[in-house]
């Protein structure tokens, strides 16, 4: 496919997303209907679509509208690419620019482009929480997220993992935020086909998540429950950090954990899968990676940014409180509770932790927030002990 044909495809897919189709569904349906498109074509189209979703507000301002065509015009303008060279109307290329579009493109660049890429109602709470970092974080969230892997120390050293990835044509360098984290460069798209990944030497996991798990003190023989395990990434990280702990994974939706047994086998980890709603009790440590807005991961899931509403956020905050109450009842006397989110919002993080401590009498012993300024996703961790 030509660059112009890829642009046409991206416009079509963005228009489908604009009518309510999830991004992944729109991309998959397009690919199935256009099987002639090669892997490089699909990757390039995907990049166009996700760039436009991440920067929907600023690209709409630059391109003159919210439709797929206007968003791509905004993308090209942001990249200092003359849209007239792409919008030619030639074979598979978008139709030539209209006079109205030319007039929009001739206007001065609007101010505060990065701030336009947040929903308006979130600017105030994010600005208040992030303070002096708000503009830096806003700019970082407009770019593609780096790809990180966690070195499975039960299988390989960090240097051995770097060497194994290099054999597969994937560049990797250590990241200072976590001793187990590698940031991938060239070849990152091939990670799941690499020998290092398939042999269990590395596992995909953001560096902020790795750093947060690294704050948890573990000891041999501890009974540990990952209460909202999802895909099980944190269960695997805990098992690698302390193989002599007994790790239990639970999720109310068992479908989320369907790949965990295979991943655990690949990693050489022992993880017990709990039946939904029957997590047991008396654990030395219970980890709650709570459902949240996902605002810290919006570089990876940008459409979620535009679909979050104040009402939905209120529902999530209430759900987090209920889950913390449920999980705290599963902790043994003298045990610990760990709360995590992949959110940038205080209402889901510091405020939620403070409210739980005040309501229950548990002692907040540690908390830390991570943001894209440190390289990874926005993330939060808080640890509690039951007061005597």
Protein backbone atom coordinates (compact mmCIF):
# COMPACT_ATOMS: atom_id res chain seq x y z
CA UNK A 1 0.00 0.00 0.00
CA UNK A 2 1.12 3.55 -0.69
CA UNK A 3 1.37 6.09 2.14
CA UNK A 4 -1.75 7.78 0.76
CA UNK A 5 -3.66 4.47 0.74
CA UNK A 6 -2.70 3.90 4.36
CA UNK A 7 -4.00 7.36 5.20
CA UNK A 8 -7.30 6.57 3.48
CA UNK A 9 -7.60 3.39 5.51
CA UNK A 10 -6.92 5.25 8.75
CA UNK A 11 -9.65 7.78 7.91
CA UNK A 12 -12.14 4.99 7.28
CA UNK A 13 -11.29 3.26 10.56
CA UNK A 14 -11.45 6.50 12.57
CA UNK A 15 -14.90 7.16 11.16
CA UNK A 16 -16.01 3.72 12.34
CA UNK A 17 -14.64 4.42 15.79
CA UNK A 18 -16.46 7.74 15.74
CA UNK A 19 -19.76 5.89 15.35
CA UNK A 20 -19.08 3.81 18.45
CA UNK A 21 -16.99 0.84 17.31
CA UNK A 22 -14.14 -0.04 19.71
CA UNK A 23 -10.77 0.73 18.16
CA UNK A 24 -9.53 -2.86 18.17
CA UNK A 25 -12.76 -4.11 16.60
CA UNK A 26 -12.60 -1.44 13.88
CA UNK A 27 -8.98 -2.29 13.09
CA UNK A 28 -9.65 -6.03 13.04
CA UNK A 29 -12.72 -5.71 10.81
CA UNK A 30 -10.84 -3.51 8.38
CA UNK A 31 -7.94 -5.98 8.21
CA UNK A 32 -10.31 -8.90 7.55
CA UNK A 33 -11.95 -7.01 4.72
CA UNK A 34 -8.59 -6.00 3.20
CA UNK A 35 -6.48 -9.14 3.39
CA UNK A 36 -4.11 -7.80 0.76
CA UNK A 37 -2.70 -5.41 3.38
CA UNK A 38 0.64 -6.66 4.67
CA UNK A 39 1.89 -6.58 8.25
CA UNK A 40 3.79 -3.32 7.67
CA UNK A 41 0.69 -1.74 6.18
CA UNK A 42 -1.44 -2.81 9.15
CA UNK A 43 1.16 -1.56 11.61
CA UNK A 44 1.39 1.82 9.90
CA UNK A 45 -2.41 2.20 9.75
CA UNK A 46 -2.69 1.23 13.41
CA UNK A 47 -0.10 3.87 14.31
CA UNK A 48 -2.05 6.55 12.42
CA UNK A 49 -5.28 5.58 14.18
CA UNK A 50 -3.81 5.50 17.67
CA UNK A 51 -1.88 8.74 17.13
CA UNK A 52 -5.17 10.38 16.16
CA UNK A 53 -6.98 8.96 19.20
CA UNK A 54 -4.24 10.05 21.60
CA UNK A 55 -4.28 13.57 20.18
CA UNK A 56 -7.92 13.83 19.20
CA UNK A 57 -8.42 17.24 20.78
CA UNK A 58 -5.36 18.92 19.31
CA UNK A 59 -5.68 17.23 15.90
CA UNK A 60 -9.32 18.32 15.73
CA UNK A 61 -8.19 21.89 16.38
CA UNK A 62 -5.46 21.61 13.74
CA UNK A 63 -7.61 19.80 11.17
CA UNK A 64 -10.95 21.49 11.71
CA UNK A 65 -13.18 18.74 13.04
CA UNK A 66 -13.70 15.41 14.82
CA UNK A 67 -14.20 13.20 11.74
CA UNK A 68 -11.54 10.83 10.49
CA UNK A 69 -10.52 13.08 7.61
CA UNK A 70 -10.13 16.16 9.83
CA UNK A 71 -8.18 14.22 12.46
CA UNK A 72 -5.74 12.93 9.85
CA UNK A 73 -5.36 16.44 8.46
CA UNK A 74 -4.48 17.50 11.99
CA UNK A 75 -2.00 14.64 12.31
CA UNK A 76 -0.24 15.57 9.08
CA UNK A 77 -0.14 19.22 10.09
CA UNK A 78 1.32 18.27 13.50
CA UNK A 79 4.00 16.27 11.67
CA UNK A 80 4.80 19.25 9.41
CA UNK A 81 3.69 17.22 6.39
CA UNK A 82 1.87 19.07 3.61
CA UNK A 83 -1.57 17.39 3.38
CA UNK A 84 -1.86 18.40 -0.28
CA UNK A 85 0.85 15.86 -1.13
CA UNK A 86 -1.32 13.06 0.33
CA UNK A 87 -4.85 14.28 -0.41
CA UNK A 88 -4.53 14.08 -4.19
CA UNK A 89 -7.56 12.02 -5.19
CA UNK A 90 -5.29 9.68 -7.12
CA UNK A 91 -5.59 5.89 -6.89
CA UNK A 92 -6.55 4.95 -3.29
CA UNK A 93 -5.61 8.43 -2.01
CA UNK A 94 -8.08 10.68 -0.14
CA UNK A 95 -10.01 13.24 -2.18
CA UNK A 96 -8.23 16.58 -2.75
CA UNK A 97 -8.54 19.29 -0.15
CA UNK A 98 -11.60 21.49 -0.29
CA UNK A 99 -11.40 25.25 -0.09
CA UNK A 100 -12.82 25.07 3.45
CA UNK A 101 -10.08 22.64 4.48
CA UNK A 102 -7.40 24.78 2.91
CA UNK A 103 -8.73 27.75 4.88
CA UNK A 104 -8.54 25.80 8.15
CA UNK A 105 -5.00 24.64 7.43
CA UNK A 106 -3.94 28.22 6.71
CA UNK A 107 -4.99 29.43 10.16
CA UNK A 108 -2.38 29.95 12.93
CA UNK A 109 -1.59 26.97 15.15
CA UNK A 110 -3.92 27.07 18.18
CA UNK A 111 -2.31 27.51 21.63
CA UNK A 112 -2.07 24.88 24.40
CA UNK A 113 -2.33 21.89 22.08
CA UNK A 114 -1.28 19.34 24.72
CA UNK A 115 -4.02 20.47 27.12
CA UNK A 116 -6.61 19.92 24.40
CA UNK A 117 -5.79 16.22 24.50
CA UNK A 118 -7.48 15.77 27.88
CA UNK A 119 -11.26 15.74 28.30
CA UNK A 120 -12.17 19.25 29.47
CA UNK A 121 -13.65 18.09 32.78
CA UNK A 122 -10.39 16.35 33.80
CA UNK A 123 -8.03 19.28 33.26
CA UNK A 124 -8.65 20.86 36.68
CA UNK A 125 -8.22 17.69 38.82
CA UNK A 126 -5.20 16.56 36.83
CA UNK A 127 -3.58 19.97 37.00
CA UNK A 128 -4.14 20.10 40.75
CA UNK A 129 -2.66 16.64 41.36
CA UNK A 130 0.28 16.84 38.96
CA UNK A 131 1.20 20.42 39.78
CA UNK A 132 4.36 21.58 38.01
CA UNK A 133 4.48 18.28 36.10
CA UNK A 134 1.09 18.77 34.45
CA UNK A 135 2.35 20.20 31.16
CA UNK A 136 5.20 17.67 30.95
CA UNK A 137 2.83 14.77 31.60
CA UNK A 138 0.29 16.20 29.15
CA UNK A 139 2.93 16.27 26.42
CA UNK A 140 4.19 12.79 27.26
CA UNK A 141 0.68 11.34 27.06
CA UNK A 142 0.41 12.44 23.44
CA UNK A 143 3.21 10.08 22.37
CA UNK A 144 3.32 6.33 22.00
CA UNK A 145 4.14 4.53 25.22
CA UNK A 146 7.50 2.81 25.47
CA UNK A 147 7.51 -0.98 25.51
CA UNK A 148 8.90 -2.62 28.64
CA UNK A 149 9.53 -6.19 29.66
CA UNK A 150 10.21 -7.67 33.07
CA UNK A 151 13.18 -9.97 33.32
CA UNK A 152 12.06 -13.23 34.92
CA UNK A 153 14.88 -13.60 37.44
CA UNK A 154 13.85 -17.22 37.98
CA UNK A 155 14.87 -17.90 34.37
CA UNK A 156 17.60 -15.43 33.46
CA UNK A 157 19.76 -12.54 34.61
CA UNK A 158 19.18 -9.10 33.16
CA UNK A 159 22.32 -9.34 31.00
CA UNK A 160 21.33 -12.78 29.74
CA UNK A 161 17.87 -11.48 28.82
CA UNK A 162 19.39 -8.54 26.92
CA UNK A 163 21.62 -10.94 25.00
CA UNK A 164 18.74 -13.30 24.22
CA UNK A 165 16.60 -10.43 22.93
CA UNK A 166 19.50 -9.20 20.80
CA UNK A 167 19.67 -12.63 19.14
CA UNK A 168 16.05 -12.08 18.12
CA UNK A 169 16.85 -8.63 16.71
CA UNK A 170 15.31 -6.70 19.62
CA UNK A 171 17.24 -3.89 21.29
CA UNK A 172 16.82 -3.67 25.07
CA UNK A 173 18.36 -1.47 27.74
CA UNK A 174 17.92 -1.43 31.54
CA UNK A 175 15.58 1.15 33.03
CA UNK A 176 16.54 2.83 36.32
CA UNK A 177 13.06 2.65 37.85
CA UNK A 178 13.22 -1.12 38.42
CA UNK A 179 16.05 -3.63 38.55
CA UNK A 180 13.98 -6.10 36.52
CA UNK A 181 12.87 -3.68 33.78
CA UNK A 182 14.15 -3.50 30.23
CA UNK A 183 12.99 -0.86 27.75
CA UNK A 184 12.73 -2.17 24.21
CA UNK A 185 13.82 -0.25 21.15
CA UNK A 186 14.14 -1.51 17.57
CA UNK A 187 12.30 -4.77 17.05
CA UNK A 188 9.87 -4.27 19.95
CA UNK A 189 6.89 -5.31 17.81
CA UNK A 190 8.41 -8.80 17.53
CA UNK A 191 8.63 -9.40 21.27
CA UNK A 192 5.90 -12.05 21.52
CA UNK A 193 7.49 -14.06 18.70
CA UNK A 194 10.95 -13.89 20.28
CA UNK A 195 12.65 -16.88 21.87
CA UNK A 196 13.33 -14.89 25.04
CA UNK A 197 9.59 -14.30 25.49
CA UNK A 198 8.47 -17.79 24.52
CA UNK A 199 11.07 -19.37 26.84
CA UNK A 200 9.80 -17.33 29.77
CA UNK A 201 12.91 -15.20 30.21
CA UNK A 202 10.93 -11.98 29.87
CA UNK A 203 7.31 -10.94 30.32
CA UNK A 204 5.58 -7.81 29.05
CA UNK A 205 4.99 -5.45 31.98
CA UNK A 206 5.23 -1.69 32.29
CA UNK A 207 8.12 -0.34 34.30
CA UNK A 208 5.87 1.57 36.73
CA UNK A 209 3.98 -1.61 37.53
CA UNK A 210 7.27 -3.43 38.07
CA UNK A 211 8.53 -0.68 40.35
CA UNK A 212 5.32 -0.75 42.38
CA UNK A 213 5.53 -4.52 42.87
CA UNK A 214 9.17 -4.01 43.86
CA UNK A 215 8.08 -1.96 46.88
CA UNK A 216 6.36 -5.01 48.42
CA UNK A 217 8.42 -6.87 51.00
CA UNK A 218 8.07 -10.64 50.67
CA UNK A 219 9.42 -13.54 52.69
CA UNK A 220 9.54 -17.31 52.08
CA UNK A 221 6.41 -19.12 53.15
CA UNK A 222 4.11 -16.09 52.94
CA UNK A 223 0.57 -16.67 51.77
CA UNK A 224 -0.15 -14.01 49.12
CA UNK A 225 -3.41 -13.29 47.31
CA UNK A 226 -3.65 -11.28 44.08
CA UNK A 227 -7.32 -10.43 44.57
CA UNK A 228 -8.06 -8.69 41.22
CA UNK A 229 -5.54 -10.66 39.21
CA UNK A 230 -6.81 -9.94 35.69
CA UNK A 231 -4.28 -11.41 33.29
CA UNK A 232 -1.97 -12.26 36.18
CA UNK A 233 1.00 -10.01 35.46
CA UNK A 234 1.46 -9.06 39.09
CA UNK A 235 0.98 -12.64 40.26
CA UNK A 236 3.83 -13.65 37.98
CA UNK A 237 6.00 -10.76 39.20
CA UNK A 238 5.38 -11.70 42.84
CA UNK A 239 6.17 -15.36 42.13
CA UNK A 240 9.42 -14.40 40.43
CA UNK A 241 10.42 -12.05 43.26
CA UNK A 242 9.94 -14.73 45.93
CA UNK A 243 9.53 -18.27 44.55
CA UNK A 244 9.04 -19.66 48.06
CA UNK A 245 5.88 -17.60 48.63
CA UNK A 246 2.54 -19.25 47.96
CA UNK A 247 0.85 -17.06 45.35
CA UNK A 248 -2.90 -17.28 44.81
CA UNK A 249 -4.67 -15.51 41.93
CA UNK A 250 -8.34 -14.55 42.01
CA UNK A 251 -10.60 -12.55 39.74
CA UNK A 252 -14.35 -12.18 39.71
CA UNK A 253 -14.23 -12.77 35.94
CA UNK A 254 -12.36 -16.06 35.34
CA UNK A 255 -12.03 -15.32 31.62
CA UNK A 256 -9.43 -12.68 32.45
CA UNK A 257 -7.19 -15.38 33.94
CA UNK A 258 -7.60 -17.93 31.17
CA UNK A 259 -4.01 -17.49 29.91
CA UNK A 260 -2.43 -17.38 33.38
CA UNK A 261 -1.75 -21.14 33.73
CA UNK A 262 0.12 -21.16 30.40
CA UNK A 263 2.02 -17.99 31.29
CA UNK A 264 2.93 -19.42 34.69
CA UNK A 265 4.17 -22.64 33.12
CA UNK A 266 6.27 -20.68 30.64
CA UNK A 267 7.74 -18.61 33.49
CA UNK A 268 8.32 -21.59 35.78
CA UNK A 269 6.05 -20.04 38.42
CA UNK A 270 3.73 -21.79 40.86
CA UNK A 271 0.41 -19.95 41.08
CA UNK A 272 -2.80 -21.33 42.51
CA UNK A 273 -5.93 -20.21 40.67
CA UNK A 274 -8.90 -19.48 42.95
CA UNK A 275 -12.44 -20.06 41.78
CA UNK A 276 -14.38 -16.80 41.33
CA UNK A 277 -15.87 -15.59 44.60
CA UNK A 278 -13.91 -18.13 46.70
CA UNK A 279 -10.54 -16.51 47.38
CA UNK A 280 -10.21 -17.95 50.89
CA UNK A 281 -8.87 -15.89 53.80
CA UNK A 282 -6.04 -15.59 56.31
CA UNK A 283 -3.45 -14.27 53.86
CA UNK A 284 -0.24 -12.58 54.99
CA UNK A 285 -0.58 -10.14 52.10
CA UNK A 286 -3.47 -9.27 49.82
CA UNK A 287 -2.82 -7.23 46.67
CA UNK A 288 -5.67 -5.24 45.14
CA UNK A 289 -4.95 -3.96 41.64
CA UNK A 290 -8.30 -2.23 41.48
CA UNK A 291 -10.51 -1.47 38.48
CA UNK A 292 -9.93 2.19 37.68
CA UNK A 293 -10.13 4.85 35.00
CA UNK A 294 -6.90 3.57 33.46
CA UNK A 295 -5.88 7.19 32.96
CA UNK A 296 -2.23 6.33 33.51
CA UNK A 297 -2.34 3.97 30.51
CA UNK A 298 -4.19 6.21 28.07
CA UNK A 299 -1.18 6.30 25.76
CA UNK A 300 -1.94 2.62 25.13
CA UNK A 301 -5.75 2.80 25.27
CA UNK A 302 -6.49 6.34 24.10
CA UNK A 303 -10.13 5.82 23.16
CA UNK A 304 -10.88 5.13 26.85
CA UNK A 305 -9.87 8.71 27.61
CA UNK A 306 -12.72 10.11 25.55
CA UNK A 307 -15.29 7.62 26.81
CA UNK A 308 -14.77 8.19 30.53
CA UNK A 309 -17.50 10.31 32.09
CA UNK A 310 -17.79 11.89 35.56
CA UNK A 311 -20.56 9.41 36.35
CA UNK A 312 -18.43 6.44 35.33
CA UNK A 313 -15.54 7.74 37.43
CA UNK A 314 -17.84 8.06 40.45
CA UNK A 315 -18.93 4.45 39.94
CA UNK A 316 -15.32 3.28 39.78
CA UNK A 317 -14.36 5.14 42.96
CA UNK A 318 -17.29 3.54 44.79
CA UNK A 319 -16.32 0.11 43.45
CA UNK A 320 -12.72 0.58 44.60
CA UNK A 321 -13.94 1.32 48.11
CA UNK A 322 -16.09 -1.81 48.17
CA UNK A 323 -13.24 -3.98 46.88
CA UNK A 324 -10.86 -2.62 49.51
CA UNK A 325 -13.40 -3.53 52.20
CA UNK A 326 -13.78 -7.05 50.78
CA UNK A 327 -10.04 -7.59 50.40
CA UNK A 328 -9.20 -6.31 53.89
CA UNK A 329 -11.37 -9.04 55.39
CA UNK A 330 -9.12 -11.64 53.76
CA UNK A 331 -5.94 -10.46 55.50
CA UNK A 332 -4.63 -12.39 58.49
CA UNK A 333 -4.03 -10.65 61.80
CA UNK A 334 -0.80 -8.71 61.44
CA UNK A 335 -0.91 -8.98 57.64
CA UNK A 336 -0.73 -6.30 54.99
CA UNK A 337 -3.00 -4.91 52.29
CA UNK A 338 -1.58 -3.39 49.09
CA UNK A 339 -3.70 -1.17 46.85
CA UNK A 340 -2.74 -0.29 43.27
CA UNK A 341 -4.23 1.55 40.31
CA UNK A 342 -3.01 2.57 36.88
CA UNK A 343 -4.55 6.01 37.38
CA UNK A 344 -3.29 9.59 37.45
CA UNK A 345 -6.29 10.86 39.41
CA UNK A 346 -6.11 11.71 43.11
CA UNK A 347 -9.68 10.59 43.73
CA UNK A 348 -8.66 7.02 42.81
CA UNK A 349 -5.27 7.18 44.50
CA UNK A 350 -4.27 9.30 47.48
CA UNK A 351 -7.84 10.27 48.35
CA UNK A 352 -9.04 6.66 48.11
CA UNK A 353 -6.17 5.45 50.32
CA UNK A 354 -6.79 8.15 52.92
CA UNK A 355 -10.52 7.44 52.95
CA UNK A 356 -9.97 3.72 53.46
CA UNK A 357 -7.54 4.32 56.33
CA UNK A 358 -9.89 6.79 58.02
CA UNK A 359 -12.92 4.55 57.58
CA UNK A 360 -11.40 1.27 58.72
CA UNK A 361 -8.59 2.13 61.09
CA UNK A 362 -5.96 0.47 58.95
CA UNK A 363 -2.60 2.28 59.05
CA UNK A 364 -1.28 3.70 55.78
CA UNK A 365 2.43 2.83 55.89
CA UNK A 366 3.59 3.69 52.38
CA UNK A 367 2.36 5.26 49.17
CA UNK A 368 3.98 6.32 45.92
CA UNK A 369 2.77 7.68 42.62
CA UNK A 370 4.48 7.16 39.27
CA UNK A 371 3.90 9.21 36.13
CA UNK A 372 5.13 9.29 32.53
CA UNK A 373 7.79 11.76 33.73
CA UNK A 374 9.61 8.71 35.16
CA UNK A 375 9.24 6.80 31.91
CA UNK A 376 6.36 4.40 32.39
CA UNK A 377 2.61 4.55 32.84
CA UNK A 378 0.84 6.55 35.48
CA UNK A 379 0.57 4.25 38.48
CA UNK A 380 -0.09 4.33 42.23
CA UNK A 381 0.65 2.00 45.13
CA UNK A 382 -0.37 2.24 48.81
CA UNK A 383 0.35 -0.23 51.59
CA UNK A 384 -1.62 -0.71 54.80
CA UNK A 385 -1.27 -2.57 58.08
CA UNK A 386 -4.10 -3.39 60.43
CA UNK A 387 -3.78 -1.32 63.63
CA UNK A 388 -3.50 -3.30 66.81
